[in-house]
Amino acid sequence: MEAHQESSGGTPGTGADRVLDSYQVRVDAARAQASVPVPKQMTNGDEQNYQNFIGNFHKGLPHNALGEVNPAAYRLLVSAAREGTAAAFERVLLGGTGPDLVKLVNPLAGMAFDLEGTDSHQLAIPPIPSVASKELADEAVELYWQALCRDVNFTDYATDSRTITAAAELSKLKKFNGPRDKGFVTAQTLFRGFTAGDVIGPYVSQLMLKPFNYGPYAMTGQISTYMPDIDYMTKQAQWLACQNGQGPFDLNVLDPKPRHVRNGRDYTVYVHKTTRLQSRLVRQVVCTSRRETRSIWRPSAHDHDRAEERGLPTGSGRIEFYGGGRSIFQVRYLFCPPGLSRRMPAASLLSGRPLVNGGCVRDDTQGCL
């Protein structure tokens, strides 16, 4: 009995009470999430409108010479997704053979249950534009220009002939939904995302460039990137092999010199090699490990007003990081330039709140990189 009292804080029954409290907290959370309505997921109709499924995902499945998927293999993929079992996915026909066959990567991930927050199936996903739409065609133009400009440094967007031409062509596309400045795509808006604050400030977040310490490890803010002037799938046979998931594929050539992220190719390496929660973890470590934030860039009210006048996004979201209970930082904007999917961080803007030790986060628009 004495041992039990000591382990539970000296009060009989305390341990059991906490177990029940913990259980009730989880029950209450589950009940609250269960009240979230299940939305109706809308499609763009491509799967019903095109019998060759040209507008749907089918990478890794067998295709004909034109790149059209084997209909039986596609239907097995859809059936496996609905059944949601590993055995069903084992029945899906793959396009590759031999040791260089590329398998589907974690196809059951979407079936996993989220035990924190709202379950994925209770969140609506808007449909992408139809494969025959002008909107998707204009987006494809942007993607091809991104490939052509992948080695142009972001600081050269206003002067390089490739990015100047890209901005001019995208400005003429009526269904292109990327950001514009007074109706035109400019060096400042080119290849940027659609979330709040995307077109304000430099392309690359300073939180990705600054050196910091991760425990005892000194991190320079540099990455191992790929050599320039290397293109991919420029021949039909290479593209078809990729569609079929048939390796081997050419390896990327690493640049022997570590570099800071400076162009689109570097950003794709960051995404290609990223680990789970990498960008969030780096931002938190940088923010919570620094008392002096002079060189972390923040927009002025004038920047906000200019963006509003030009019809650019000005709303803000916020993520708070807590540093050992001492400092609080607010990430007001999380910029998402397109990359290939418009989901990579481009520039984070910080605003300050007083710290509990009497200090404060400094706002300095002159300290930007």
Protein backbone atom coordinates (compact mmCIF):
# COMPACT_ATOMS: atom_id res chain seq x y z
CA MET A 1 0.00 0.00 0.00
CA GLU A 2 2.81 2.37 0.87
CA ALA A 3 4.47 1.72 -2.49
CA HIS A 4 1.18 2.40 -4.22
CA GLN A 5 0.69 5.66 -2.33
CA GLU A 6 4.21 6.84 -3.17
CA SER A 7 3.90 6.09 -6.87
CA SER A 8 0.56 7.88 -7.16
CA GLY A 9 1.59 11.03 -5.35
CA GLY A 10 0.77 9.79 -1.84
CA THR A 11 -2.99 9.83 -2.26
CA PRO A 12 -4.81 6.51 -2.68
CA GLY A 13 -6.70 6.29 -5.94
CA THR A 14 -4.93 9.25 -7.62
CA GLY A 15 -3.45 7.07 -10.34
CA ALA A 16 -6.78 5.46 -11.16
CA ASP A 17 -8.50 8.86 -11.18
CA ARG A 18 -6.01 10.19 -13.69
CA VAL A 19 -6.58 7.20 -15.95
CA LEU A 20 -10.31 7.94 -15.92
CA ASP A 21 -9.69 11.65 -16.52
CA SER A 22 -7.45 10.82 -19.47
CA TYR A 23 -10.09 8.50 -20.84
CA GLN A 24 -12.78 11.17 -20.51
CA VAL A 25 -10.64 13.78 -22.27
CA ARG A 26 -10.31 11.46 -25.25
CA VAL A 27 -13.99 10.57 -25.26
CA ASP A 28 -14.92 14.26 -25.23
CA ALA A 29 -12.50 14.99 -28.06
CA ALA A 30 -13.81 12.06 -30.11
CA ARG A 31 -17.39 13.16 -29.52
CA ALA A 32 -16.58 16.72 -30.62
CA GLN A 33 -14.91 15.49 -33.82
CA ALA A 34 -17.78 13.13 -34.54
CA SER A 35 -20.08 16.15 -34.75
CA VAL A 36 -18.14 17.55 -37.70
CA PRO A 37 -20.32 16.92 -40.77
CA VAL A 38 -19.02 14.70 -43.56
CA PRO A 39 -18.90 16.81 -46.73
CA LYS A 40 -19.89 15.59 -50.15
CA GLN A 41 -16.78 15.14 -52.25
CA MET A 42 -17.25 16.59 -55.73
CA THR A 43 -15.34 15.38 -58.80
CA ASN A 44 -14.60 17.14 -62.07
CA GLY A 45 -16.34 14.36 -64.02
CA ASP A 46 -13.26 13.26 -65.98
CA GLU A 47 -13.49 9.63 -64.86
CA GLN A 48 -17.02 9.39 -66.25
CA ASN A 49 -16.43 11.54 -69.34
CA TYR A 50 -13.28 9.86 -70.71
CA GLN A 51 -13.23 6.11 -71.13
CA ASN A 52 -9.44 6.07 -71.40
CA PHE A 53 -9.17 7.74 -67.95
CA ILE A 54 -6.74 10.28 -69.39
CA GLY A 55 -7.55 12.80 -66.67
CA ASN A 56 -7.04 10.51 -63.69
CA PHE A 57 -4.06 9.20 -61.75
CA HIS A 58 -2.57 5.98 -63.10
CA LYS A 59 1.20 6.26 -62.76
CA GLY A 60 2.92 2.92 -62.31
CA LEU A 61 0.19 1.01 -64.11
CA PRO A 62 0.64 -0.49 -67.60
CA HIS A 63 0.07 1.88 -70.55
CA ASN A 64 -0.05 1.61 -74.32
CA ALA A 65 2.37 3.43 -76.61
CA LEU A 66 0.30 6.63 -76.34
CA GLY A 67 0.46 6.61 -72.57
CA GLU A 68 -3.15 5.56 -72.11
CA VAL A 69 -3.65 3.34 -69.08
CA ASN A 70 -4.77 -0.27 -69.28
CA PRO A 71 -8.49 0.03 -68.32
CA ALA A 72 -8.51 -3.24 -66.36
CA ALA A 73 -5.50 -2.15 -64.29
CA TYR A 74 -7.11 1.22 -63.58
CA ARG A 75 -10.35 -0.39 -62.41
CA LEU A 76 -8.38 -2.67 -60.09
CA LEU A 77 -6.70 0.41 -58.61
CA VAL A 78 -10.05 2.08 -57.99
CA SER A 79 -11.47 -1.13 -56.53
CA ALA A 80 -8.49 -1.48 -54.18
CA ALA A 81 -8.89 2.11 -53.00
CA ARG A 82 -12.53 1.43 -52.18
CA GLU A 83 -11.79 -1.86 -50.43
CA GLY A 84 -8.90 -0.34 -48.49
CA THR A 85 -6.87 -3.51 -47.85
CA ALA A 86 -3.31 -4.54 -48.61
CA ALA A 87 -4.60 -7.70 -50.29
CA ALA A 88 -6.65 -5.63 -52.74
CA PHE A 89 -3.65 -3.51 -53.72
CA GLU A 90 -1.59 -6.66 -54.28
CA ARG A 91 -4.04 -7.50 -57.08
CA VAL A 92 -3.40 -4.23 -58.93
CA LEU A 93 -1.52 -4.73 -62.21
CA LEU A 94 1.73 -2.76 -62.37
CA GLY A 95 3.48 -1.58 -65.52
CA GLY A 96 7.06 -2.39 -64.57
CA THR A 97 8.83 -5.73 -64.39
CA GLY A 98 11.97 -7.17 -62.88
CA PRO A 99 14.16 -5.72 -60.15
CA ASP A 100 13.69 -2.14 -61.40
CA LEU A 101 9.91 -2.19 -61.07
CA VAL A 102 8.57 0.83 -59.19
CA LYS A 103 5.76 -0.04 -56.79
CA LEU A 104 2.96 2.14 -55.50
CA VAL A 105 4.14 4.09 -52.46
CA ASN A 106 1.98 3.65 -49.36
CA PRO A 107 -1.37 3.59 -51.18
CA LEU A 108 -3.22 2.89 -47.93
CA ALA A 109 -2.06 6.14 -46.31
CA GLY A 110 -5.36 7.81 -47.15
CA MET A 111 -7.21 5.12 -45.21
CA ALA A 112 -5.34 5.77 -41.96
CA PHE A 113 -7.32 7.27 -39.11
CA ASP A 114 -6.29 10.65 -37.71
CA LEU A 115 -6.46 10.41 -33.92
CA GLU A 116 -5.64 14.10 -33.48
CA GLY A 117 -8.07 16.61 -34.90
CA THR A 118 -10.60 16.09 -37.64
CA ASP A 119 -10.40 12.88 -39.65
CA SER A 120 -9.25 13.32 -43.25
CA HIS A 121 -12.54 11.99 -44.62
CA GLN A 122 -14.40 14.82 -42.89
CA LEU A 123 -12.53 17.46 -44.90
CA ALA A 124 -13.61 18.52 -48.39
CA ILE A 125 -11.14 18.52 -51.27
CA PRO A 126 -12.13 20.77 -54.19
CA PRO A 127 -11.89 19.12 -57.63
CA ILE A 128 -9.07 20.07 -59.97
CA PRO A 129 -9.96 21.59 -63.34
CA SER A 130 -11.02 19.12 -66.01
CA VAL A 131 -8.35 17.76 -68.32
CA ALA A 132 -10.10 19.48 -71.23
CA SER A 133 -10.42 22.86 -69.50
CA LYS A 134 -8.61 26.04 -70.47
CA GLU A 135 -7.72 26.53 -66.82
CA LEU A 136 -5.71 23.30 -66.68
CA ALA A 137 -4.06 24.09 -70.02
CA ASP A 138 -2.93 27.48 -68.73
CA GLU A 139 -1.59 25.84 -65.57
CA ALA A 140 0.39 23.42 -67.76
CA VAL A 141 1.98 26.42 -69.50
CA GLU A 142 3.16 27.66 -66.13
CA LEU A 143 4.60 24.23 -65.25
CA TYR A 144 6.57 24.04 -68.50
CA TRP A 145 7.94 27.51 -67.89
CA GLN A 146 8.96 26.45 -64.40
CA ALA A 147 10.97 23.60 -65.92
CA LEU A 148 12.64 25.97 -68.39
CA CYS A 149 13.45 28.46 -65.64
CA ARG A 150 14.51 26.02 -62.94
CA ASP A 151 18.13 27.21 -63.01
CA VAL A 152 17.34 30.94 -63.00
CA ASN A 153 18.12 32.42 -59.59
CA PHE A 154 15.14 34.11 -57.94
CA THR A 155 17.15 37.33 -57.67
CA ASP A 156 17.52 37.35 -61.48
CA TYR A 157 13.83 36.99 -62.32
CA ALA A 158 13.53 40.66 -63.29
CA THR A 159 16.45 40.56 -65.74
CA ASP A 160 16.73 37.03 -67.17
CA SER A 161 15.18 36.68 -70.64
CA ARG A 162 13.54 33.35 -69.75
CA THR A 163 11.59 34.61 -66.77
CA ILE A 164 10.72 37.86 -68.57
CA THR A 165 9.25 35.84 -71.45
CA ALA A 166 7.46 33.48 -69.06
CA ALA A 167 5.79 36.39 -67.24
CA ALA A 168 4.74 37.97 -70.54
CA GLU A 169 3.12 34.78 -71.85
CA LEU A 170 1.35 33.96 -68.58
CA SER A 171 -0.02 37.50 -68.48
CA LYS A 172 -1.87 36.80 -71.75
CA LEU A 173 -3.57 33.64 -70.48
CA LYS A 174 -7.10 34.56 -69.39
CA LYS A 175 -7.69 31.42 -67.33
CA PHE A 176 -4.34 31.48 -65.57
CA ASN A 177 -5.16 31.85 -61.88
CA GLY A 178 -1.70 32.64 -60.55
CA PRO A 179 -1.11 35.96 -58.76
CA ARG A 180 -0.85 39.15 -60.79
CA ASP A 181 0.06 42.76 -60.16
CA LYS A 182 -2.52 45.09 -61.71
CA GLY A 183 -3.50 42.31 -64.10
CA PHE A 184 0.01 41.31 -65.14
CA VAL A 185 2.36 38.54 -64.09
CA THR A 186 5.61 40.17 -63.00
CA ALA A 187 9.00 39.10 -61.69
CA GLN A 188 7.58 39.54 -58.18
CA THR A 189 4.49 37.38 -58.77
CA LEU A 190 5.98 34.78 -61.15
CA PHE A 191 5.66 31.16 -59.93
CA ARG A 192 4.22 32.30 -56.60
CA GLY A 193 1.34 30.71 -54.73
CA PHE A 194 -2.19 31.84 -54.00
CA THR A 195 -2.19 32.02 -50.20
CA ALA A 196 -2.04 35.18 -48.12
CA GLY A 197 1.19 37.10 -48.46
CA ASP A 198 2.71 34.97 -51.22
CA VAL A 199 3.73 37.90 -53.38
CA ILE A 200 5.23 40.01 -50.59
CA GLY A 201 8.93 39.89 -49.88
CA PRO A 202 11.71 37.64 -51.16
CA TYR A 203 10.97 34.26 -52.71
CA VAL A 204 12.93 32.22 -50.16
CA SER A 205 12.15 32.32 -46.47
CA GLN A 206 15.01 33.58 -44.37
CA LEU A 207 14.18 30.79 -41.97
CA MET A 208 15.54 28.46 -44.67
CA LEU A 209 18.73 30.47 -45.10
CA LYS A 210 19.82 31.25 -41.58
CA PRO A 211 22.37 29.07 -39.75
CA PHE A 212 21.14 27.55 -36.51
CA ASN A 213 22.00 24.92 -33.95
CA TYR A 214 19.98 21.72 -33.75
CA GLY A 215 21.06 20.52 -30.36
CA PRO A 216 24.83 20.04 -30.58
CA TYR A 217 24.77 20.09 -34.40
CA ALA A 218 25.68 23.28 -36.29
CA MET A 219 23.38 23.70 -39.30
CA THR A 220 24.54 26.10 -42.00
CA GLY A 221 21.24 26.62 -43.82
CA GLN A 222 22.80 25.15 -46.95
CA ILE A 223 21.64 22.05 -48.84
CA SER A 224 23.16 19.44 -51.12
CA THR A 225 21.58 20.32 -54.43
CA TYR A 226 21.77 19.00 -58.01
CA MET A 227 23.96 20.21 -60.85
CA PRO A 228 22.33 22.67 -63.29
CA ASP A 229 21.35 22.18 -66.93
CA ILE A 230 19.99 18.65 -66.47
CA ASP A 231 16.57 17.97 -68.01
CA TYR A 232 14.26 15.00 -67.56
CA MET A 233 11.97 12.88 -69.75
CA THR A 234 12.83 14.83 -72.90
CA LYS A 235 12.19 11.73 -75.04
CA GLN A 236 8.90 9.90 -75.40
CA ALA A 237 10.41 6.55 -74.45
CA GLN A 238 11.77 7.99 -71.18
CA TRP A 239 8.39 9.52 -70.36
CA LEU A 240 6.54 6.26 -71.10
CA ALA A 241 8.92 4.26 -68.92
CA CYS A 242 8.22 6.67 -66.08
CA GLN A 243 4.48 6.32 -66.62
CA ASN A 244 4.81 2.54 -66.45
CA GLY A 245 7.04 2.65 -63.39
CA GLN A 246 9.78 0.84 -65.25
CA GLY A 247 13.30 1.65 -64.07
CA PRO A 248 16.17 2.08 -63.97
CA PHE A 249 16.07 5.86 -64.08
CA ASP A 250 18.96 8.27 -64.50
CA LEU A 251 20.42 9.45 -61.22
CA ASN A 252 20.67 13.12 -60.33
CA VAL A 253 24.20 14.52 -60.23
CA LEU A 254 24.95 16.20 -56.90
CA ASP A 255 26.65 19.58 -56.82
CA PRO A 256 29.85 19.03 -54.77
CA LYS A 257 29.42 22.46 -53.15
CA PRO A 258 26.67 22.98 -50.54
CA ARG A 259 24.47 25.95 -51.41
CA HIS A 260 21.64 28.04 -50.06
CA VAL A 261 18.32 27.66 -51.86
CA ARG A 262 18.49 30.12 -54.74
CA ASN A 263 16.38 28.79 -57.62
CA GLY A 264 13.63 26.38 -58.60
CA ARG A 265 15.95 23.37 -58.92
CA ASP A 266 17.18 23.89 -55.36
CA TYR A 267 13.60 24.07 -54.12
CA THR A 268 12.68 20.81 -55.85
CA VAL A 269 15.65 19.13 -54.14
CA TYR A 270 14.36 20.43 -50.81
CA VAL A 271 10.96 18.85 -51.48
CA HIS A 272 12.41 15.67 -53.04
CA LYS A 273 14.63 14.99 -50.05
CA THR A 274 12.42 16.36 -47.30
CA THR A 275 11.66 14.34 -44.21
CA ARG A 276 8.40 14.39 -42.29
CA LEU A 277 7.74 17.79 -40.68
CA GLN A 278 11.16 19.02 -41.82
CA SER A 279 10.21 22.58 -42.71
CA ARG A 280 8.03 23.03 -39.62
CA LEU A 281 10.74 21.70 -37.34
CA VAL A 282 13.41 23.96 -38.84
CA ARG A 283 11.21 27.03 -38.48
CA GLN A 284 10.46 26.20 -34.86
CA VAL A 285 14.10 25.57 -33.98
CA VAL A 286 15.25 28.79 -35.66
CA CYS A 287 12.52 30.91 -34.08
CA THR A 288 12.74 29.56 -30.56
CA SER A 289 16.54 29.49 -30.42
CA ARG A 290 17.02 33.17 -31.26
CA ARG A 291 16.53 36.14 -28.97
CA GLU A 292 17.80 38.55 -31.63
CA THR A 293 15.54 38.51 -34.69
CA ARG A 294 16.72 41.73 -36.30
CA SER A 295 17.36 40.20 -39.71
CA ILE A 296 14.10 38.25 -39.89
CA TRP A 297 12.05 40.11 -42.47
CA ARG A 298 8.59 41.44 -41.77
CA PRO A 299 6.37 43.52 -44.08
CA SER A 300 5.36 47.02 -43.11
CA ALA A 301 1.83 48.35 -43.11
CA HIS A 302 2.76 50.11 -46.33
CA ASP A 303 3.51 46.73 -47.96
CA HIS A 304 0.11 45.47 -46.81
CA ASP A 305 -1.65 48.53 -48.22
CA ARG A 306 0.15 48.23 -51.55
CA ALA A 307 -0.84 44.59 -51.84
CA GLU A 308 -4.45 45.46 -51.07
CA GLU A 309 -4.47 48.25 -53.68
CA ARG A 310 -3.20 45.83 -56.33
CA GLY A 311 -5.79 43.21 -55.56
CA LEU A 312 -3.20 40.84 -54.05
CA PRO A 313 -3.93 38.54 -51.08
CA THR A 314 -3.51 40.25 -47.71
CA GLY A 315 -5.17 37.89 -45.21
CA SER A 316 -3.08 36.21 -42.57
CA GLY A 317 -2.91 32.90 -40.82
CA ARG A 318 -0.95 32.31 -37.65
CA ILE A 319 1.13 29.56 -36.11
CA GLU A 320 2.62 30.07 -32.66
CA PHE A 321 5.87 28.52 -31.50
CA TYR A 322 6.79 28.29 -27.83
CA GLY A 323 10.43 28.24 -26.85
CA GLY A 324 10.88 26.50 -23.54
CA GLY A 325 8.05 28.55 -22.04
CA ARG A 326 9.97 31.80 -22.54
CA SER A 327 9.48 33.22 -26.03
CA ILE A 328 6.47 33.30 -28.27
CA PHE A 329 6.73 33.88 -31.99
CA GLN A 330 3.88 34.32 -34.38
CA VAL A 331 4.35 33.19 -37.95
CA ARG A 332 1.90 35.51 -39.60
CA TYR A 333 2.34 34.34 -43.15
CA LEU A 334 3.43 31.00 -44.52
CA PHE A 335 4.24 31.63 -48.16
CA CYS A 336 3.63 28.80 -50.61
CA PRO A 337 5.22 29.31 -54.03
CA PRO A 338 4.07 26.76 -56.57
CA GLY A 339 7.10 24.54 -57.09
CA LEU A 340 5.08 21.92 -58.88
CA SER A 341 2.21 21.98 -56.46
CA ARG A 342 2.20 25.42 -54.77
CA ARG A 343 2.73 23.93 -51.35
CA MET A 344 6.32 24.81 -50.48
CA PRO A 345 7.25 27.62 -48.08
CA ALA A 346 8.67 30.69 -49.79
CA ALA A 347 8.87 33.44 -47.18
CA SER A 348 7.67 33.57 -43.60
CA LEU A 349 6.86 36.87 -41.98
CA LEU A 350 7.18 37.27 -38.27
CA SER A 351 5.49 39.72 -35.98
CA GLY A 352 6.48 40.12 -32.39
CA ARG A 353 4.84 39.83 -29.02
CA PRO A 354 6.41 40.68 -25.66
CA LEU A 355 8.40 37.88 -24.09
CA VAL A 356 7.86 36.88 -20.49
CA ASN A 357 11.43 37.90 -19.66
CA GLY A 358 10.69 41.50 -20.61
CA GLY A 359 12.25 41.39 -24.06
CA CYS A 360 10.44 41.45 -27.36
CA VAL A 361 10.74 40.19 -30.90
CA ARG A 362 12.13 43.00 -33.02
CA ASP A 363 10.48 44.10 -36.23
CA ASP A 364 13.04 45.42 -38.70
CA THR A 365 12.18 45.79 -42.37
CA GLN A 366 15.70 46.99 -43.11
CA GLY A 367 17.32 43.75 -42.02
CA CYS A 368 15.99 41.56 -44.80
CA LEU A 369 18.35 39.46 -46.88
